[in-house]
Amino acid sequence: MQRLIECVPNISEGRRPEIIDAVTLVVETVEGCRLLDVDPGKSTNRTVITFVGPPETIGEAAFRVIEKAAELIDMSKHAGEHPRMGATDVCPFVPISGVTMEDCIQIAHALGKRVGEELGIPGYHYESAAHTPERKNLAFCRKGEYEGLEKLSSDEFRPDFGPSAFNDRAQKTGATAIGARDFLIAYNININSTSSRRANAIAFDIREAGRIKREGGKISGKIIKDANGEPVREPGTLKSVKGIGWYIEEYGIAQLSLNLTDINVTPTHVAFDEACSKAQDRGIRVTGSELVGLVPLKVMTDAADYFLRKQKRSTGISESEKIKIAIKSLGLDDLAPFNPDERIIEYLIGGLGTFPLLEKNLREFSNETASESPAPGGGSIAAYSGALGTALSTMVANLSANKRGWDDRWEEFSNWADKGQSFHTRLLALVDADTAAFNGIMDAYGLPKSTDDQKSTRAQAIQDATKHAIEIPMQVAEVAHDALEIAEAMADFGNPNSITDAGVGAMCLRTAVLGAILNARVNTADLNDKAYVASVLSRCDALVSSVTSREAAVLARVDTLLR
């Protein structure tokens, strides 16, 4: 899985394109970072910048944005409708894939330290990166906005980073809030009505804030107040959801306009189903929905898993099939076609060129292997053999989950299919990883060797690259070996009509293990670390012995059932 973090800095400039361009241009000067969206607002005099990158470099890109904004924007001359306190007003990090919130918090804290020390900009950590409960709330950190930054010297508002004085530098740059938060989903749900009032009623039914209580439960009833004279609210059914109803003239329908502020609490599919239920209670039907902007892949795959489970179907299917199910189940193509390549963050950035071999079709892959180039070679083919073996075993699990008369066992086999898909994904990634490891050795041998220092550097690089080129096929061997448990299980109690598929899967996995080991062993001869070599060879012997006996057991089971 690609490790990705989204960063969404908001800069206090929305009217001068030359400044906006200069700030956004720095994002892609950092390796691995990709600019996704730039959304300027003239009335707010503010621009929302969205980019993604790996955890190793995303903080550097954010630093360069803050640095450039501080250079070009003078907050003492800024005016706009949106609340703000700095040239870079906010800079949140959002986990997308392969990372945790803790990763984002660490990056936010490290960035704050750099911004304070190197740029002399004061600021606060907010949301999940906050050091105190009250600073989780951005509105608290931004209280008084830029004009109120004399507060920096107070105990209550002493900055988390940077100077605690509204000095000449701070007068120009203002203060910056750097945080970590979950992904926010802007999500519209379509109904078969043109009434914004009815759409609003459904939105009030489900949003966390609910609605103000009135006597008799009628909109015309008198507002009910508490002992302090404050209106009493009747909460809605879903946490972390904001929403209203409106009429969209372009489409001629009413919609629920929802903001899902924490998709771990209320994911998209839960909001959709709840809207369907509440709409039906009011004699209204949901016809589909609309995702605004970009979404993480997880939003789609989680939705697919949810609807598959409701149908008592296996969730251990391919990612592409899950995307299709999510689109149809949520009605995302109700108003316009939903293109995953343009709307899912991981697809939009295209993997940043991580998997060139996997992007080839079968004929291209085979032809590339047959060419005079030494890569892809045996290691990549071993990994692909393992992926095919795991795919076959997973297929048997899915066929078993859908077998007539086995309805009470669908979840059991779905779990096996999920496990198989996990092994399959890992082995596919290792196809390109093995070729990259080989190319790393070639690159090391190509380093200059004119001086003693160059020779030493080159020699160490060759050793490091060689060790990496051993570890990658060892990963292939170990993953393929572990994946045998799927074939074993399917041979023992899977759909008997597919028993031979489980057998072929086991044979492919044995080939993967033995082939990968050959590629690991060939590189051990060039490694100086003999203790490491001995350890690798011992691992190889254990894997060969185990995979040979386990494959034989699977084939014996297959042979028994075929007689």
Protein backbone atom coordinates (compact mmCIF):
# COMPACT_ATOMS: atom_id res chain seq x y z
CA MET A 1 0.00 0.00 0.00
CA GLN A 2 1.25 3.43 -0.96
CA ARG A 3 1.99 5.63 2.08
CA LEU A 4 0.26 8.96 1.53
CA ILE A 5 -0.55 12.05 3.57
CA GLU A 6 -2.65 14.97 2.39
CA CYS A 7 -1.68 18.53 3.32
CA VAL A 8 -4.17 21.40 2.97
CA PRO A 9 -2.50 24.75 3.71
CA ASN A 10 -4.74 27.84 3.50
CA ILE A 11 -2.86 31.01 2.56
CA SER A 12 -4.16 34.54 3.06
CA GLU A 13 -4.15 35.51 -0.61
CA GLY A 14 -6.95 34.91 -3.10
CA ARG A 15 -6.75 37.87 -5.46
CA ARG A 16 -3.22 38.03 -6.88
CA PRO A 17 -2.59 35.01 -9.12
CA GLU A 18 1.12 35.74 -9.39
CA ILE A 19 1.54 35.25 -5.63
CA ILE A 20 -0.72 32.18 -5.54
CA ASP A 21 1.26 30.62 -8.39
CA ALA A 22 4.60 31.38 -6.72
CA VAL A 23 3.48 29.72 -3.48
CA THR A 24 1.94 26.63 -5.07
CA LEU A 25 4.89 26.16 -7.43
CA VAL A 26 7.15 25.09 -4.55
CA VAL A 27 5.09 21.98 -3.76
CA GLU A 28 6.35 19.88 -6.64
CA THR A 29 9.95 20.93 -6.08
CA VAL A 30 9.89 18.28 -3.32
CA GLU A 31 10.35 14.67 -4.45
CA GLY A 32 7.22 12.55 -4.26
CA CYS A 33 4.80 15.43 -3.61
CA ARG A 34 1.97 16.14 -6.03
CA LEU A 35 -0.17 19.29 -6.22
CA LEU A 36 -3.83 18.26 -6.57
CA ASP A 37 -5.94 21.38 -6.27
CA VAL A 38 -5.71 25.17 -5.89
CA ASP A 39 -8.95 26.92 -4.91
CA PRO A 40 -8.69 30.75 -4.59
CA GLY A 41 -11.49 32.95 -3.25
CA LYS A 42 -11.58 36.66 -4.03
CA SER A 43 -14.06 37.74 -1.36
CA THR A 44 -12.31 35.68 1.32
CA ASN A 45 -8.88 36.69 -0.02
CA ARG A 46 -7.79 33.17 0.73
CA THR A 47 -6.58 30.15 -1.24
CA VAL A 48 -6.95 26.50 -0.27
CA ILE A 49 -4.03 24.42 -1.53
CA THR A 50 -4.26 20.62 -1.61
CA PHE A 51 -1.30 18.33 -2.19
CA VAL A 52 -0.24 14.82 -1.24
CA GLY A 53 3.04 13.08 -0.62
CA PRO A 54 4.79 10.39 1.40
CA PRO A 55 5.44 10.96 5.12
CA GLU A 56 9.17 11.29 4.43
CA THR A 57 8.81 14.48 2.33
CA ILE A 58 5.36 15.99 2.92
CA GLY A 59 6.66 18.10 5.83
CA GLU A 60 9.37 19.63 3.63
CA ALA A 61 6.80 20.64 1.00
CA ALA A 62 4.62 22.24 3.69
CA PHE A 63 7.63 24.12 5.06
CA ARG A 64 8.41 25.55 1.62
CA VAL A 65 4.79 26.68 1.21
CA ILE A 66 4.84 28.46 4.58
CA GLU A 67 8.25 29.98 3.81
CA LYS A 68 7.18 31.33 0.41
CA ALA A 69 3.85 32.65 1.73
CA ALA A 70 5.67 34.48 4.54
CA GLU A 71 8.00 36.01 1.96
CA LEU A 72 5.25 37.29 -0.37
CA ILE A 73 2.27 38.09 1.88
CA ASP A 74 2.18 41.04 4.29
CA MET A 75 -0.54 40.41 6.88
CA SER A 76 -0.50 44.05 8.03
CA LYS A 77 -2.11 44.89 4.67
CA HIS A 78 -4.50 41.92 4.43
CA ALA A 79 -8.28 42.07 4.45
CA GLY A 80 -10.86 39.42 3.64
CA GLU A 81 -14.14 37.91 4.81
CA HIS A 82 -12.69 34.64 6.15
CA PRO A 83 -11.25 34.48 9.68
CA ARG A 84 -7.44 34.49 9.50
CA MET A 85 -4.34 35.17 11.56
CA GLY A 86 -1.37 34.43 9.29
CA ALA A 87 0.12 34.43 5.78
CA THR A 88 -0.29 30.67 6.01
CA ASP A 89 -3.34 30.61 8.22
CA VAL A 90 -3.70 26.85 8.73
CA CYS A 91 -1.69 23.84 7.64
CA PRO A 92 -3.36 20.49 8.51
CA PHE A 93 -2.01 17.01 7.72
CA VAL A 94 -4.51 14.27 6.91
CA PRO A 95 -3.75 10.51 6.81
CA ILE A 96 -4.78 9.00 3.46
CA SER A 97 -3.27 5.52 3.12
CA GLY A 98 -0.62 3.42 4.83
CA VAL A 99 -0.14 5.97 7.62
CA THR A 100 -1.68 6.72 11.01
CA MET A 101 -2.87 9.86 12.73
CA GLU A 102 0.17 9.57 14.99
CA ASP A 103 2.39 9.86 11.88
CA CYS A 104 0.61 13.11 10.98
CA ILE A 105 0.92 14.45 14.52
CA GLN A 106 4.67 13.84 14.53
CA ILE A 107 5.06 15.60 11.19
CA ALA A 108 2.96 18.55 12.42
CA HIS A 109 5.07 18.93 15.57
CA ALA A 110 8.34 18.70 13.62
CA LEU A 111 7.11 21.28 11.12
CA GLY A 112 6.03 23.66 13.89
CA LYS A 113 9.49 23.46 15.43
CA ARG A 114 11.14 24.30 12.09
CA VAL A 115 8.70 27.12 11.33
CA GLY A 116 9.33 28.68 14.74
CA GLU A 117 13.10 28.28 14.75
CA GLU A 118 14.00 28.85 11.08
CA LEU A 119 11.30 31.28 9.97
CA GLY A 120 10.54 33.05 13.24
CA ILE A 121 6.80 32.54 12.80
CA PRO A 122 4.68 31.91 15.94
CA GLY A 123 1.82 29.50 15.95
CA TYR A 124 -0.31 26.80 17.49
CA HIS A 125 -0.93 23.09 17.09
CA TYR A 126 -4.62 22.24 16.70
CA GLU A 127 -7.02 19.30 16.25
CA SER A 128 -5.24 15.99 16.93
CA ALA A 129 -1.83 17.73 17.14
CA ALA A 130 -2.96 20.01 19.99
CA HIS A 131 -1.06 19.91 23.28
CA THR A 132 -4.06 21.06 25.34
CA PRO A 133 -7.79 20.27 25.03
CA GLU A 134 -8.87 23.83 24.28
CA ARG A 135 -6.36 24.16 21.43
CA LYS A 136 -7.95 21.26 19.57
CA ASN A 137 -10.50 23.88 18.50
CA LEU A 138 -9.12 26.03 15.67
CA ALA A 139 -11.49 28.86 16.57
CA PHE A 140 -9.89 29.07 20.02
CA CYS A 141 -6.38 29.27 18.55
CA ARG A 142 -7.48 31.94 16.07
CA LYS A 143 -9.42 34.03 18.61
CA GLY A 144 -9.03 37.72 17.83
CA GLU A 145 -7.54 36.83 14.43
CA TYR A 146 -4.50 38.73 13.15
CA GLU A 147 -5.57 41.96 14.85
CA GLY A 148 -5.57 40.19 18.21
CA LEU A 149 -2.04 38.74 18.09
CA GLU A 150 -0.90 40.86 21.02
CA LYS A 151 -2.24 37.79 22.85
CA LEU A 152 1.00 35.94 22.00
CA SER A 153 2.62 37.21 25.17
CA SER A 154 -0.21 36.03 27.42
CA ASP A 155 -0.08 32.77 29.36
CA GLU A 156 -3.34 31.56 27.85
CA PHE A 157 -2.24 32.09 24.25
CA ARG A 158 1.51 31.57 24.45
CA PRO A 159 2.52 29.97 21.12
CA ASP A 160 3.37 26.29 20.80
CA PHE A 161 6.24 27.33 18.53
CA GLY A 162 7.97 30.55 17.53
CA PRO A 163 8.34 33.85 19.40
CA SER A 164 5.87 34.78 22.11
CA ALA A 165 5.82 38.42 21.07
CA PHE A 166 4.08 40.34 18.32
CA ASN A 167 7.40 41.57 16.93
CA ASP A 168 8.21 43.07 13.53
CA ARG A 169 8.45 39.62 11.95
CA ALA A 170 5.12 38.45 13.34
CA GLN A 171 3.47 41.70 12.23
CA LYS A 172 4.26 40.72 8.64
CA THR A 173 3.72 36.95 8.77
CA GLY A 174 1.06 36.68 11.43
CA ALA A 175 0.68 33.31 13.16
CA THR A 176 0.12 29.84 11.73
CA ALA A 177 -1.96 26.93 13.01
CA ILE A 178 -0.40 23.56 12.17
CA GLY A 179 -2.50 20.49 12.88
CA ALA A 180 -3.47 16.92 12.14
CA ARG A 181 -7.03 15.88 11.43
CA ASP A 182 -9.13 13.25 9.76
CA PHE A 183 -10.30 13.56 6.20
CA LEU A 184 -13.44 15.67 5.76
CA ILE A 185 -15.92 14.44 3.17
CA ALA A 186 -18.31 16.85 1.45
CA TYR A 187 -21.18 14.57 0.51
CA ASN A 188 -24.51 15.37 -1.17
CA ILE A 189 -27.42 12.92 -1.17
CA ASN A 190 -30.06 13.25 -3.91
CA ILE A 191 -33.78 12.81 -3.26
CA ASN A 192 -36.81 12.48 -5.56
CA SER A 193 -38.16 15.87 -4.52
CA THR A 194 -37.73 19.51 -5.41
CA SER A 195 -38.52 20.65 -1.86
CA SER A 196 -35.54 22.15 -0.03
CA ARG A 197 -37.70 22.21 3.14
CA ARG A 198 -38.14 18.44 3.03
CA ALA A 199 -34.47 17.92 2.27
CA ASN A 200 -33.64 20.15 5.22
CA ALA A 201 -35.93 18.10 7.47
CA ILE A 202 -34.11 14.88 6.56
CA ALA A 203 -30.74 16.56 7.08
CA PHE A 204 -31.88 17.69 10.54
CA ASP A 205 -32.99 14.12 11.29
CA ILE A 206 -29.48 12.77 10.82
CA ARG A 207 -26.98 15.59 11.52
CA GLU A 208 -25.34 15.59 14.94
CA ALA A 209 -26.72 19.02 15.90
CA GLY A 210 -30.25 17.85 15.08
CA ARG A 211 -32.90 20.56 15.43
CA ILE A 212 -34.27 22.94 18.04
CA LYS A 213 -37.15 21.43 20.01
CA ARG A 214 -40.55 23.04 19.58
CA GLU A 215 -43.83 22.51 21.37
CA GLY A 216 -45.96 19.83 19.76
CA GLY A 217 -43.04 18.77 17.61
CA LYS A 218 -44.18 21.20 14.91
CA ILE A 219 -42.07 23.76 13.09
CA SER A 220 -44.60 26.41 14.02
CA GLY A 221 -44.50 25.45 17.70
CA LYS A 222 -42.94 27.63 20.37
CA ILE A 223 -39.22 27.04 20.96
CA ILE A 224 -38.55 25.00 24.11
CA LYS A 225 -35.85 26.50 26.32
CA ASP A 226 -33.81 25.17 29.23
CA ALA A 227 -33.43 26.67 32.71
CA ASN A 228 -30.83 29.10 31.39
CA GLY A 229 -33.08 30.31 28.62
CA GLU A 230 -31.14 28.50 25.91
CA PRO A 231 -32.99 26.58 23.17
CA VAL A 232 -33.16 22.83 23.79
CA ARG A 233 -31.89 20.76 20.88
CA GLU A 234 -33.04 17.34 19.75
CA PRO A 235 -29.86 15.64 18.46
CA GLY A 236 -29.79 13.84 15.14
CA THR A 237 -28.92 10.18 14.70
CA LEU A 238 -25.35 10.48 13.38
CA LYS A 239 -22.23 11.78 15.10
CA SER A 240 -19.63 13.91 13.26
CA VAL A 241 -22.13 14.96 10.61
CA LYS A 242 -23.12 18.51 9.67
CA GLY A 243 -25.87 19.12 7.16
CA ILE A 244 -28.60 21.19 5.55
CA GLY A 245 -31.01 20.71 2.67
CA TRP A 246 -31.05 22.74 -0.54
CA TYR A 247 -32.46 22.82 -4.08
CA ILE A 248 -30.03 22.49 -7.02
CA GLU A 249 -31.47 24.28 -10.02
CA GLU A 250 -28.87 22.76 -12.36
CA TYR A 251 -30.21 19.26 -11.69
CA GLY A 252 -33.78 20.15 -10.77
CA ILE A 253 -33.64 18.19 -7.51
CA ALA A 254 -33.23 18.76 -3.79
CA GLN A 255 -30.21 17.42 -1.93
CA LEU A 256 -28.97 16.79 1.57
CA SER A 257 -25.66 18.65 1.76
CA LEU A 258 -23.56 16.87 4.39
CA ASN A 259 -20.08 17.36 5.82
CA LEU A 260 -18.73 14.14 7.31
CA THR A 261 -16.13 15.50 9.70
CA ASP A 262 -14.81 12.14 10.93
CA ILE A 263 -15.31 9.22 8.54
CA ASN A 264 -14.04 6.84 11.22
CA VAL A 265 -17.12 7.74 13.29
CA THR A 266 -19.65 8.09 10.47
CA PRO A 267 -18.39 6.81 7.11
CA THR A 268 -20.04 7.66 3.83
CA HIS A 269 -22.02 4.43 3.51
CA VAL A 270 -23.55 4.81 6.97
CA ALA A 271 -24.66 8.36 6.18
CA PHE A 272 -26.17 7.14 2.91
CA ASP A 273 -28.13 4.30 4.49
CA GLU A 274 -29.39 6.52 7.31
CA ALA A 275 -30.53 9.13 4.80
CA CYS A 276 -32.38 6.41 2.88
CA SER A 277 -34.14 5.32 6.07
CA LYS A 278 -35.13 8.81 7.21
CA ALA A 279 -36.24 9.79 3.71
CA GLN A 280 -38.46 6.72 3.49
CA ASP A 281 -40.06 7.67 6.82
CA ARG A 282 -41.11 10.92 5.12
CA GLY A 283 -42.36 9.26 1.94
CA ILE A 284 -39.28 10.28 -0.02
CA ARG A 285 -36.76 8.14 -1.90
CA VAL A 286 -33.03 8.65 -2.17
CA THR A 287 -32.00 8.36 -5.83
CA GLY A 288 -28.24 8.57 -5.48
CA SER A 289 -25.44 10.68 -4.07
CA GLU A 290 -22.54 12.92 -4.99
CA LEU A 291 -19.02 13.09 -3.56
CA VAL A 292 -17.57 16.60 -3.78
CA GLY A 293 -13.86 16.79 -4.54
CA LEU A 294 -11.36 14.03 -3.95
CA VAL A 295 -11.69 11.06 -1.59
CA PRO A 296 -9.31 8.43 -0.24
CA LEU A 297 -9.60 4.93 -1.68
CA LYS A 298 -10.65 3.71 1.77
CA VAL A 299 -13.98 5.53 1.44
CA MET A 300 -14.87 3.40 -1.57
CA THR A 301 -13.53 0.03 -0.39
CA ASP A 302 -15.15 0.39 3.05
CA ALA A 303 -18.48 1.17 1.37
CA ALA A 304 -18.15 -1.87 -0.87
CA ASP A 305 -17.35 -4.13 2.11
CA TYR A 306 -20.39 -2.75 3.95
CA PHE A 307 -22.83 -3.46 1.13
CA LEU A 308 -21.27 -6.84 0.34
CA ARG A 309 -21.72 -7.92 3.96
CA LYS A 310 -25.34 -6.76 3.89
CA GLN A 311 -25.81 -9.04 0.88
CA LYS A 312 -23.93 -11.86 2.65
CA ARG A 313 -21.34 -11.92 -0.10
CA SER A 314 -17.57 -12.35 0.15
CA THR A 315 -15.54 -9.18 0.62
CA GLY A 316 -12.38 -10.87 -0.65
CA ILE A 317 -12.68 -9.57 -4.21
CA SER A 318 -10.47 -7.30 -6.27
CA GLU A 319 -10.17 -3.60 -5.60
CA SER A 320 -11.57 -2.71 -9.02
CA GLU A 321 -14.70 -4.79 -8.39
CA LYS A 322 -15.15 -3.13 -5.02
CA ILE A 323 -15.02 0.30 -6.65
CA LYS A 324 -17.80 -0.70 -9.07
CA ILE A 325 -19.96 -1.97 -6.20
CA ALA A 326 -19.42 1.23 -4.18
CA ILE A 327 -20.37 3.44 -7.14
CA LYS A 328 -23.58 1.52 -7.81
CA SER A 329 -24.54 1.05 -4.14
CA LEU A 330 -24.13 4.75 -3.31
CA GLY A 331 -25.59 5.88 -6.64
CA LEU A 332 -22.52 8.02 -7.35
CA ASP A 333 -23.30 8.06 -11.07
CA ASP A 334 -26.84 9.39 -10.53
CA LEU A 335 -26.12 12.95 -11.73
CA ALA A 336 -22.88 12.48 -13.66
CA PRO A 337 -20.41 9.67 -14.38
CA PHE A 338 -18.07 8.92 -11.48
CA ASN A 339 -14.53 8.37 -12.76
CA PRO A 340 -12.39 6.68 -10.08
CA ASP A 341 -9.17 7.74 -11.83
CA GLU A 342 -10.12 11.39 -11.37
CA ARG A 343 -11.89 11.25 -8.00
CA ILE A 344 -9.89 8.82 -5.85
CA ILE A 345 -6.70 10.39 -4.52
CA GLU A 346 -4.49 7.32 -4.88
CA TYR A 347 -5.68 6.79 -8.47
CA LEU A 348 -5.35 10.44 -9.43
CA ILE A 349 -1.69 10.55 -8.58
CA GLY A 350 -1.12 7.26 -10.38
CA GLY A 351 1.17 5.69 -7.82
CA LEU A 352 3.93 8.13 -8.70
CA GLY A 353 5.45 5.53 -11.05
CA THR A 354 5.89 2.93 -8.32
CA PHE A 355 4.71 -0.14 -10.32
CA PRO A 356 5.89 0.06 -13.96
CA LEU A 357 5.75 -3.73 -14.52
CA LEU A 358 2.28 -4.16 -13.03
CA GLU A 359 0.98 -1.44 -15.31
CA LYS A 360 1.80 -3.59 -18.37
CA ASN A 361 -0.71 -6.02 -19.85
CA LEU A 362 0.06 -9.75 -19.92
CA ARG A 363 1.56 -9.68 -23.42
CA GLU A 364 3.74 -6.65 -22.64
CA PHE A 365 4.96 -8.20 -19.39
CA SER A 366 5.84 -11.46 -21.12
CA ASN A 367 7.62 -9.67 -23.97
CA GLU A 368 9.58 -7.51 -21.55
CA THR A 369 10.70 -10.62 -19.70
CA ALA A 370 11.78 -12.27 -22.95
CA SER A 371 13.81 -9.25 -24.09
CA GLU A 372 17.59 -8.96 -23.86
CA SER A 373 17.27 -6.87 -20.69
CA PRO A 374 18.21 -8.85 -17.52
CA ALA A 375 15.21 -7.46 -15.65
CA PRO A 376 12.52 -8.44 -14.95
CA GLY A 377 14.10 -11.77 -14.18
CA GLY A 378 13.55 -14.80 -12.04
CA GLY A 379 12.82 -12.84 -8.87
CA SER A 380 9.98 -10.85 -10.40
CA ILE A 381 8.59 -13.96 -12.08
CA ALA A 382 8.73 -15.81 -8.75
CA ALA A 383 6.75 -13.01 -7.11
CA TYR A 384 4.20 -13.06 -9.92
CA SER A 385 3.90 -16.84 -9.68
CA GLY A 386 3.13 -16.41 -5.99
CA ALA A 387 0.53 -13.75 -6.78
CA LEU A 388 -1.15 -16.10 -9.28
CA GLY A 389 -1.09 -18.97 -6.79
CA THR A 390 -2.67 -16.81 -4.12
CA ALA A 391 -5.23 -15.52 -6.63
CA LEU A 392 -6.28 -19.10 -7.43
CA SER A 393 -6.64 -19.99 -3.75
CA THR A 394 -8.65 -16.80 -3.17
CA MET A 395 -10.89 -17.67 -6.10
CA VAL A 396 -11.74 -21.00 -4.44
CA ALA A 397 -12.59 -19.15 -1.22
CA ASN A 398 -14.94 -16.81 -3.10
CA LEU A 399 -16.57 -19.68 -4.97
CA SER A 400 -17.05 -21.45 -1.64
CA ALA A 401 -18.63 -18.34 -0.10
CA ASN A 402 -21.18 -18.26 -2.93
CA LYS A 403 -21.81 -22.01 -3.17
CA ARG A 404 -25.48 -23.03 -3.12
CA GLY A 405 -26.33 -24.73 0.16
CA TRP A 406 -23.37 -23.19 2.01
CA ASP A 407 -25.15 -19.91 2.81
CA ASP A 408 -24.40 -20.23 6.51
CA ARG A 409 -20.65 -20.36 5.75
CA TRP A 410 -20.30 -17.25 3.54
CA GLU A 411 -18.57 -15.23 6.25
CA GLU A 412 -16.07 -18.02 7.00
CA PHE A 413 -14.96 -18.15 3.38
CA SER A 414 -15.10 -14.38 3.01
CA ASN A 415 -12.51 -14.12 5.77
CA TRP A 416 -10.28 -16.57 3.92
CA ALA A 417 -10.71 -14.58 0.71
CA ASP A 418 -9.83 -11.34 2.51
CA LYS A 419 -6.65 -12.94 3.82
CA GLY A 420 -5.84 -14.20 0.34
CA GLN A 421 -6.29 -10.73 -1.16
CA SER A 422 -3.83 -9.35 1.40
CA PHE A 423 -1.16 -11.88 0.38
CA HIS A 424 -1.95 -11.25 -3.28
CA THR A 425 -1.46 -7.48 -2.94
CA ARG A 426 1.89 -7.91 -1.16
CA LEU A 427 3.22 -10.32 -3.77
CA LEU A 428 2.18 -8.08 -6.65
CA ALA A 429 4.07 -5.17 -5.12
CA LEU A 430 7.17 -7.38 -4.87
CA VAL A 431 7.15 -7.96 -8.65
CA ASP A 432 8.40 -4.43 -9.25
CA ALA A 433 10.37 -4.34 -5.98
CA ASP A 434 12.58 -7.22 -7.15
CA THR A 435 13.41 -5.53 -10.45
CA ALA A 436 14.09 -2.26 -8.64
CA ALA A 437 16.48 -4.11 -6.29
CA PHE A 438 18.41 -5.54 -9.25
CA ASN A 439 18.60 -2.11 -10.86
CA GLY A 440 19.94 -0.80 -7.54
CA ILE A 441 22.92 -3.16 -7.80
CA MET A 442 23.58 -2.01 -11.36
CA ASP A 443 23.41 1.64 -10.26
CA ALA A 444 25.91 0.94 -7.47
CA TYR A 445 28.37 -0.69 -9.88
CA GLY A 446 28.02 2.39 -12.09
CA LEU A 447 29.26 4.80 -9.41
CA PRO A 448 32.61 6.58 -10.05
CA LYS A 449 35.78 4.90 -8.80
CA SER A 450 38.59 7.27 -9.70
CA THR A 451 39.65 8.20 -6.14
CA ASP A 452 40.02 6.19 -2.95
CA ASP A 453 36.99 7.92 -1.43
CA GLN A 454 34.93 7.14 -4.51
CA LYS A 455 36.06 3.52 -4.42
CA SER A 456 35.11 3.23 -0.76
CA THR A 457 31.70 4.82 -1.34
CA ARG A 458 31.10 2.58 -4.36
CA ALA A 459 32.10 -0.57 -2.50
CA GLN A 460 29.75 0.20 0.38
CA ALA A 461 26.92 1.05 -2.02
CA ILE A 462 27.41 -2.31 -3.76
CA GLN A 463 27.23 -4.13 -0.43
CA ASP A 464 24.10 -2.25 0.66
CA ALA A 465 22.39 -2.83 -2.69
CA THR A 466 23.32 -6.50 -2.64
CA LYS A 467 21.85 -6.99 0.82
CA HIS A 468 18.64 -5.28 -0.36
CA ALA A 469 18.59 -7.55 -3.42
CA ILE A 470 18.69 -10.53 -1.04
CA GLU A 471 15.99 -9.28 1.30
CA ILE A 472 13.43 -8.63 -1.45
CA PRO A 473 13.34 -12.21 -2.78
CA MET A 474 13.43 -13.45 0.81
CA GLN A 475 10.26 -11.43 1.38
CA VAL A 476 8.76 -13.07 -1.71
CA ALA A 477 9.66 -16.51 -0.39
CA GLU A 478 8.28 -15.86 3.09
CA VAL A 479 5.04 -14.25 1.92
CA ALA A 480 4.41 -17.01 -0.63
CA HIS A 481 5.17 -19.63 2.02
CA ASP A 482 2.68 -18.03 4.42
CA ALA A 483 0.08 -17.74 1.63
CA LEU A 484 0.06 -21.52 1.33
CA GLU A 485 -2.36 -21.60 4.24
CA ILE A 486 -5.12 -20.39 1.89
CA ALA A 487 -4.50 -23.22 -0.58
CA GLU A 488 -4.30 -25.73 2.29
CA ALA A 489 -7.60 -24.57 3.77
CA MET A 490 -9.39 -24.61 0.41
CA ALA A 491 -8.06 -28.08 -0.36
CA ASP A 492 -9.29 -29.31 3.04
CA PHE A 493 -12.79 -27.82 3.16
CA GLY A 494 -13.36 -25.49 0.21
CA ASN A 495 -15.68 -26.00 -2.74
CA PRO A 496 -14.84 -29.55 -3.93
CA ASN A 497 -15.63 -28.56 -7.51
CA SER A 498 -12.58 -26.26 -7.42
CA ILE A 499 -10.18 -28.57 -5.62
CA THR A 500 -7.76 -28.66 -8.58
CA ASP A 501 -7.54 -24.85 -8.52
CA ALA A 502 -6.34 -25.05 -4.93
CA GLY A 503 -3.78 -27.63 -6.05
CA VAL A 504 -2.47 -25.46 -8.89
CA GLY A 505 -2.37 -22.53 -6.45
CA ALA A 506 -0.16 -24.55 -4.10
CA MET A 507 2.14 -25.51 -6.99
CA CYS A 508 2.51 -21.86 -8.02
CA LEU A 509 3.30 -20.87 -4.45
CA ARG A 510 5.96 -23.57 -4.13
CA THR A 511 7.50 -22.30 -7.38
CA ALA A 512 7.46 -18.78 -5.95
CA VAL A 513 9.26 -19.85 -2.79
CA LEU A 514 11.92 -21.94 -4.55
CA GLY A 515 12.42 -19.40 -7.34
CA ALA A 516 12.80 -16.51 -4.92
CA ILE A 517 15.30 -18.48 -2.85
CA LEU A 518 17.44 -19.10 -5.94
CA ASN A 519 17.59 -15.35 -6.51
CA ALA A 520 18.47 -14.67 -2.89
CA ARG A 521 21.22 -17.31 -2.86
CA VAL A 522 22.88 -16.07 -6.05
CA ASN A 523 23.51 -12.70 -4.40
CA THR A 524 24.93 -14.08 -1.15
CA ALA A 525 28.24 -14.92 -2.85
CA ASP A 526 29.00 -11.21 -3.31
CA LEU A 527 28.23 -10.18 0.25
CA ASN A 528 31.01 -9.62 2.78
CA ASP A 529 28.75 -9.99 5.85
CA LYS A 530 29.18 -13.74 6.33
CA ALA A 531 27.09 -13.89 9.50
CA TYR A 532 24.16 -12.38 7.60
CA VAL A 533 24.74 -14.81 4.72
CA ALA A 534 24.66 -17.76 7.11
CA SER A 535 21.40 -16.52 8.57
CA VAL A 536 19.85 -16.14 5.09
CA LEU A 537 20.91 -19.62 4.02
CA SER A 538 19.44 -21.06 7.20
CA ARG A 539 16.14 -19.27 6.47
CA CYS A 540 16.26 -20.66 2.93
CA ASP A 541 16.74 -24.25 4.10
CA ALA A 542 13.81 -24.01 6.50
CA LEU A 543 11.53 -22.52 3.83
CA VAL A 544 12.44 -25.15 1.22
CA SER A 545 11.77 -28.00 3.63
CA SER A 546 8.46 -26.54 4.79
CA VAL A 547 7.04 -25.53 1.42
CA THR A 548 7.94 -28.89 -0.16
CA SER A 549 6.12 -30.91 2.48
CA ARG A 550 3.13 -28.55 2.58
CA GLU A 551 2.67 -28.58 -1.20
CA ALA A 552 2.88 -32.38 -1.17
CA ALA A 553 0.14 -32.54 1.46
CA VAL A 554 -2.16 -30.30 -0.61
CA LEU A 555 -1.60 -32.35 -3.76
CA ALA A 556 -2.20 -35.58 -1.83
CA ARG A 557 -5.53 -34.18 -0.66
CA VAL A 558 -6.42 -33.19 -4.23
CA ASP A 559 -5.45 -36.63 -5.52
CA THR A 560 -7.63 -38.30 -2.90
CA LEU A 561 -10.69 -36.29 -3.90
CA LEU A 562 -10.10 -36.94 -7.60
CA ARG A 563 -10.16 -40.70 -7.18
